[in-house]
Amino acid sequence: MWDRKELKERGKKSLHRNYWMTVLVTFILSILTGTAGSGRSAGDAVSDVLTESEGSITDVIGAVGTTIFAIGILFLVIWTIVLLIVRIFVSNLFEIGCMRFYEENTERKAAFGLIVEGFRHGQYGKNVLTLFLRDLYIFLWTLLLIIPGIIKAYQYSMIPYILAENPNISRERAFELSKEMMKGQIWEAIVLDLSYIGWGILGAITLNIVNILYTSPYRQSAWAELYKVNRQTVLDQGEASYQELPGFTLEYN
């Protein structure tokens, strides 16, 4: 079993080895999981209501308010669908690339170009489906009550790292290996995340500046170290082979 303090210390060293690049990659990852945009104006619909309404001023105001509310709801639904599509077809693929960056950064200064790894190697469709199913399963388990969803989220937390290391691994095997890596470790992983609460509070006080510049890249670096430990464990136990988890080449270095 890994030691949390040692894991975080190694993560801190990885962060400091390539600080600004790690901060940039983490910032991009956070942006991609919460993209924002704008919708079309509701001016035309409001104008129609004002033109066609023959009632009192109160009726006109009420009709305008109802129209704006309806357009707002429609916009919210459309925007949610857009965000979901971006998440499935773009953000999840960058997640794989960012995990590749963090993994390589544990050993050497990783290159920024690694963040597009999820789009390469001819495995785009498989990667999309694998991470879509991961998100779907977590969502469905969350519907049963929050706790099962949290457990599944941790069970599947190694999937992006596995796909980053071996783009050709099957979807079923990626799920299986992730669950094997996290067997008996979910509570320890939760405690690892909880250990960053103090930094999170400091980040809130500083309007998220500390989170961007330190807490988030620090946590991601520690989780990359956790993956390394779990990877070696399943290899040593014979639960996985070096063909399945071959390590990394120096392709970008």
Protein backbone atom coordinates (compact mmCIF):
# COMPACT_ATOMS: atom_id res chain seq x y z
CA MET A 1 0.00 0.00 0.00
CA TRP A 2 1.25 3.45 -0.88
CA ASP A 3 2.01 6.20 1.61
CA ARG A 4 0.00 9.38 1.10
CA LYS A 5 2.70 11.79 2.29
CA GLU A 6 5.34 10.15 0.11
CA LEU A 7 2.98 10.21 -2.87
CA LYS A 8 2.28 13.93 -2.42
CA GLU A 9 5.98 14.67 -1.99
CA ARG A 10 6.79 12.96 -5.27
CA GLY A 11 3.92 14.81 -6.92
CA LYS A 12 5.30 18.09 -5.63
CA LYS A 13 8.71 17.29 -7.12
CA SER A 14 7.12 16.49 -10.47
CA LEU A 15 5.26 19.79 -10.38
CA HIS A 16 8.35 21.83 -9.56
CA ARG A 17 10.37 20.04 -12.24
CA ASN A 18 8.14 21.49 -14.95
CA TYR A 19 6.09 24.05 -13.06
CA TRP A 20 4.73 26.51 -15.62
CA MET A 21 3.98 23.86 -18.22
CA THR A 22 2.10 21.78 -15.63
CA VAL A 23 0.11 24.83 -14.55
CA LEU A 24 -0.77 25.58 -18.18
CA VAL A 25 -1.88 22.00 -18.92
CA THR A 26 -3.99 21.89 -15.74
CA PHE A 27 -5.58 25.24 -16.56
CA ILE A 28 -6.50 24.06 -20.05
CA LEU A 29 -7.98 20.87 -18.61
CA SER A 30 -10.12 22.86 -16.17
CA ILE A 31 -11.32 25.20 -18.93
CA LEU A 32 -12.30 22.28 -21.15
CA THR A 33 -14.46 20.79 -18.42
CA GLY A 34 -16.43 24.04 -18.03
CA THR A 35 -16.62 25.88 -21.34
CA ALA A 36 -18.81 28.97 -21.61
CA GLY A 37 -20.46 30.72 -24.54
CA SER A 38 -23.40 32.82 -25.63
CA GLY A 39 -26.81 32.24 -27.11
CA ARG A 40 -28.90 34.17 -29.63
CA SER A 41 -30.80 37.31 -28.63
CA ALA A 42 -34.44 37.09 -27.58
CA GLY A 43 -35.20 40.51 -29.06
CA ASP A 44 -37.21 39.27 -32.05
CA ALA A 45 -39.54 37.13 -29.95
CA VAL A 46 -40.15 39.99 -27.50
CA SER A 47 -40.89 42.34 -30.39
CA ASP A 48 -43.48 39.94 -31.79
CA VAL A 49 -45.21 39.76 -28.44
CA LEU A 50 -45.37 43.56 -28.15
CA THR A 51 -46.76 43.89 -31.68
CA GLU A 52 -49.42 41.23 -31.44
CA SER A 53 -50.60 41.82 -27.89
CA GLU A 54 -53.91 43.73 -27.72
CA GLY A 55 -54.44 43.62 -23.98
CA SER A 56 -53.42 46.02 -21.27
CA ILE A 57 -49.86 47.07 -20.40
CA THR A 58 -49.93 44.47 -17.63
CA ASP A 59 -50.85 41.77 -20.14
CA VAL A 60 -48.01 42.86 -22.44
CA ILE A 61 -45.48 42.81 -19.60
CA GLY A 62 -46.74 39.41 -18.51
CA ALA A 63 -46.49 38.05 -22.06
CA VAL A 64 -42.98 39.44 -22.47
CA GLY A 65 -41.92 37.94 -19.16
CA THR A 66 -43.37 34.55 -20.10
CA THR A 67 -41.64 34.65 -23.48
CA ILE A 68 -38.28 35.59 -22.00
CA PHE A 69 -38.63 32.83 -19.41
CA ALA A 70 -39.49 30.26 -22.11
CA ILE A 71 -36.57 31.37 -24.28
CA GLY A 72 -34.31 31.21 -21.24
CA ILE A 73 -35.35 27.63 -20.52
CA LEU A 74 -34.88 26.69 -24.19
CA PHE A 75 -31.44 28.30 -24.23
CA LEU A 76 -30.48 26.44 -21.05
CA VAL A 77 -31.53 23.11 -22.57
CA ILE A 78 -29.67 23.81 -25.84
CA TRP A 79 -26.57 25.00 -24.02
CA THR A 80 -26.58 21.91 -21.79
CA ILE A 81 -26.72 19.71 -24.90
CA VAL A 82 -23.85 21.66 -26.49
CA LEU A 83 -21.74 21.29 -23.35
CA LEU A 84 -22.49 17.57 -23.28
CA ILE A 85 -21.42 17.16 -26.90
CA VAL A 86 -18.20 19.10 -26.29
CA ARG A 87 -17.53 16.98 -23.21
CA ILE A 88 -18.03 13.70 -25.08
CA PHE A 89 -16.19 14.50 -28.31
CA VAL A 90 -13.52 17.00 -27.23
CA SER A 91 -12.91 17.46 -23.51
CA ASN A 92 -12.65 13.75 -22.66
CA LEU A 93 -10.02 13.30 -25.37
CA PHE A 94 -7.97 16.15 -23.95
CA GLU A 95 -8.31 14.50 -20.55
CA ILE A 96 -6.45 11.48 -21.92
CA GLY A 97 -3.73 13.71 -23.32
CA CYS A 98 -3.36 15.63 -20.07
CA MET A 99 -3.04 12.36 -18.13
CA ARG A 100 -0.29 11.35 -20.57
CA PHE A 101 1.45 14.66 -19.81
CA TYR A 102 1.22 14.13 -16.03
CA GLU A 103 2.43 10.54 -16.32
CA GLU A 104 5.50 11.44 -18.36
CA ASN A 105 6.15 14.46 -16.16
CA THR A 106 6.74 12.14 -13.20
CA GLU A 107 9.99 11.05 -14.87
CA ARG A 108 11.11 14.02 -16.99
CA LYS A 109 9.93 17.36 -18.31
CA ALA A 110 6.92 16.43 -20.42
CA ALA A 111 6.11 18.29 -23.64
CA PHE A 112 2.98 20.39 -24.07
CA GLY A 113 2.09 18.56 -27.30
CA LEU A 114 1.17 15.46 -25.32
CA ILE A 115 -2.23 16.95 -24.47
CA VAL A 116 -3.55 15.94 -27.93
CA GLU A 117 -2.59 12.27 -27.48
CA GLY A 118 -6.24 11.26 -27.10
CA PHE A 119 -6.89 12.32 -30.70
CA ARG A 120 -3.99 10.36 -32.16
CA HIS A 121 -3.13 6.71 -32.95
CA GLY A 122 -6.40 6.11 -34.86
CA GLN A 123 -8.32 5.40 -31.66
CA TYR A 124 -10.52 8.50 -31.51
CA GLY A 125 -13.84 6.65 -31.74
CA LYS A 126 -12.85 4.04 -29.17
CA ASN A 127 -11.61 6.70 -26.75
CA VAL A 128 -14.83 8.68 -27.15
CA LEU A 129 -16.98 5.64 -26.44
CA THR A 130 -14.86 4.43 -23.50
CA LEU A 131 -14.95 7.72 -21.61
CA PHE A 132 -18.58 8.32 -22.53
CA LEU A 133 -19.48 4.98 -20.94
CA ARG A 134 -17.34 5.84 -17.91
CA ASP A 135 -19.29 9.08 -17.41
CA LEU A 136 -22.61 7.38 -18.10
CA TYR A 137 -21.99 4.58 -15.59
CA ILE A 138 -20.94 7.07 -12.91
CA PHE A 139 -24.07 9.14 -13.59
CA LEU A 140 -26.37 6.13 -13.42
CA TRP A 141 -24.77 4.89 -10.20
CA THR A 142 -25.13 8.39 -8.74
CA LEU A 143 -28.89 8.20 -9.35
CA LEU A 144 -29.04 5.32 -6.87
CA LEU A 145 -27.75 7.76 -4.20
CA ILE A 146 -24.58 9.81 -4.18
CA ILE A 147 -22.29 7.29 -2.45
CA PRO A 148 -22.40 4.57 -5.18
CA GLY A 149 -21.56 7.23 -7.77
CA ILE A 150 -18.55 8.38 -5.75
CA ILE A 151 -17.32 4.81 -5.42
CA LYS A 152 -17.65 4.20 -9.16
CA ALA A 153 -15.90 7.49 -9.93
CA TYR A 154 -12.87 6.31 -7.95
CA GLN A 155 -13.03 2.79 -9.41
CA TYR A 156 -12.89 4.22 -12.92
CA SER A 157 -10.37 6.97 -12.12
CA MET A 158 -7.45 5.09 -13.71
CA ILE A 159 -9.12 4.69 -17.12
CA PRO A 160 -7.74 7.90 -18.73
CA TYR A 161 -4.23 7.04 -17.54
CA ILE A 162 -4.52 3.52 -18.98
CA LEU A 163 -5.74 4.85 -22.34
CA ALA A 164 -2.91 7.39 -22.32
CA GLU A 165 -0.36 4.63 -21.83
CA ASN A 166 -1.89 2.13 -24.24
CA PRO A 167 -4.25 3.64 -26.86
CA ASN A 168 -4.89 0.17 -28.31
CA ILE A 169 -6.17 -1.47 -25.14
CA SER A 170 -9.77 -2.65 -25.34
CA ARG A 171 -12.57 -0.76 -23.62
CA GLU A 172 -13.47 -3.75 -21.47
CA ARG A 173 -9.88 -4.26 -20.37
CA ALA A 174 -9.43 -0.58 -19.48
CA PHE A 175 -12.43 -0.77 -17.13
CA GLU A 176 -11.22 -4.06 -15.68
CA LEU A 177 -7.69 -2.82 -15.03
CA SER A 178 -8.90 0.42 -13.47
CA LYS A 179 -11.09 -1.48 -11.00
CA GLU A 180 -8.21 -3.84 -10.25
CA MET A 181 -5.83 -0.95 -9.62
CA MET A 182 -8.27 0.73 -7.22
CA LYS A 183 -9.28 -2.44 -5.37
CA GLY A 184 -9.05 -1.77 -1.64
CA GLN A 185 -7.79 1.75 -2.22
CA ILE A 186 -10.92 3.85 -2.60
CA TRP A 187 -10.97 5.14 0.96
CA GLU A 188 -7.25 6.00 0.82
CA ALA A 189 -7.81 7.83 -2.47
CA ILE A 190 -10.69 9.80 -0.92
CA VAL A 191 -8.43 10.75 2.00
CA LEU A 192 -5.78 11.83 -0.51
CA ASP A 193 -8.27 14.21 -2.11
CA LEU A 194 -9.52 15.41 1.27
CA SER A 195 -5.95 16.31 2.22
CA TYR A 196 -6.17 19.18 -0.28
CA ILE A 197 -9.15 20.83 1.45
CA GLY A 198 -6.94 23.42 3.15
CA TRP A 199 -5.43 24.40 -0.18
CA GLY A 200 -8.94 24.53 -1.67
CA ILE A 201 -10.10 26.95 1.02
CA LEU A 202 -7.07 29.13 0.38
CA GLY A 203 -7.91 28.99 -3.32
CA ALA A 204 -11.47 30.18 -2.62
CA ILE A 205 -10.16 33.06 -0.52
CA THR A 206 -7.82 34.12 -3.35
CA LEU A 207 -10.57 33.96 -6.02
CA ASN A 208 -9.23 30.64 -7.37
CA ILE A 209 -5.74 32.00 -8.04
CA VAL A 210 -4.04 29.54 -5.66
CA ASN A 211 -6.03 26.66 -7.16
CA ILE A 212 -4.89 27.55 -10.68
CA LEU A 213 -1.26 28.21 -9.79
CA TYR A 214 -0.72 25.45 -7.27
CA THR A 215 -3.49 23.28 -5.79
CA SER A 216 -4.88 21.74 -9.01
CA PRO A 217 -1.52 21.00 -10.69
CA TYR A 218 -0.18 19.71 -7.35
CA ARG A 219 -3.13 17.31 -6.96
CA GLN A 220 -2.92 16.12 -10.58
CA SER A 221 0.79 15.45 -10.17
CA ALA A 222 0.14 13.40 -7.03
CA TRP A 223 -2.55 11.36 -8.81
CA ALA A 224 -0.11 10.61 -11.62
CA GLU A 225 2.20 9.22 -8.96
CA LEU A 226 -0.70 7.15 -7.61
CA TYR A 227 -1.24 5.70 -11.08
CA LYS A 228 2.43 4.74 -11.28
CA VAL A 229 2.19 2.88 -7.99
CA ASN A 230 -1.04 1.10 -8.97
CA ARG A 231 0.36 0.26 -12.40
CA GLN A 232 3.43 -1.39 -10.91
CA THR A 233 1.29 -3.27 -8.41
CA VAL A 234 -0.90 -4.95 -11.05
CA LEU A 235 2.23 -5.75 -13.08
CA ASP A 236 3.97 -7.31 -10.09
CA GLN A 237 0.88 -9.30 -9.17
CA GLY A 238 0.47 -10.61 -12.71
CA GLU A 239 -2.92 -8.92 -13.13
CA ALA A 240 -1.58 -7.06 -16.18
CA SER A 241 1.24 -7.61 -18.66
CA TYR A 242 3.88 -5.23 -19.99
CA GLN A 243 2.23 -5.61 -23.40
CA GLU A 244 -0.90 -4.07 -21.93
CA LEU A 245 0.97 -1.41 -19.95
CA PRO A 246 4.14 -0.82 -21.99
CA GLY A 247 5.27 2.47 -20.49
CA PHE A 248 6.19 5.46 -22.66
CA THR A 249 8.52 6.28 -25.51
CA LEU A 250 10.49 9.50 -25.86
CA GLU A 251 8.50 10.43 -28.95
CA TYR A 252 8.05 14.07 -27.92
CA ASN A 253 11.33 14.55 -26.06
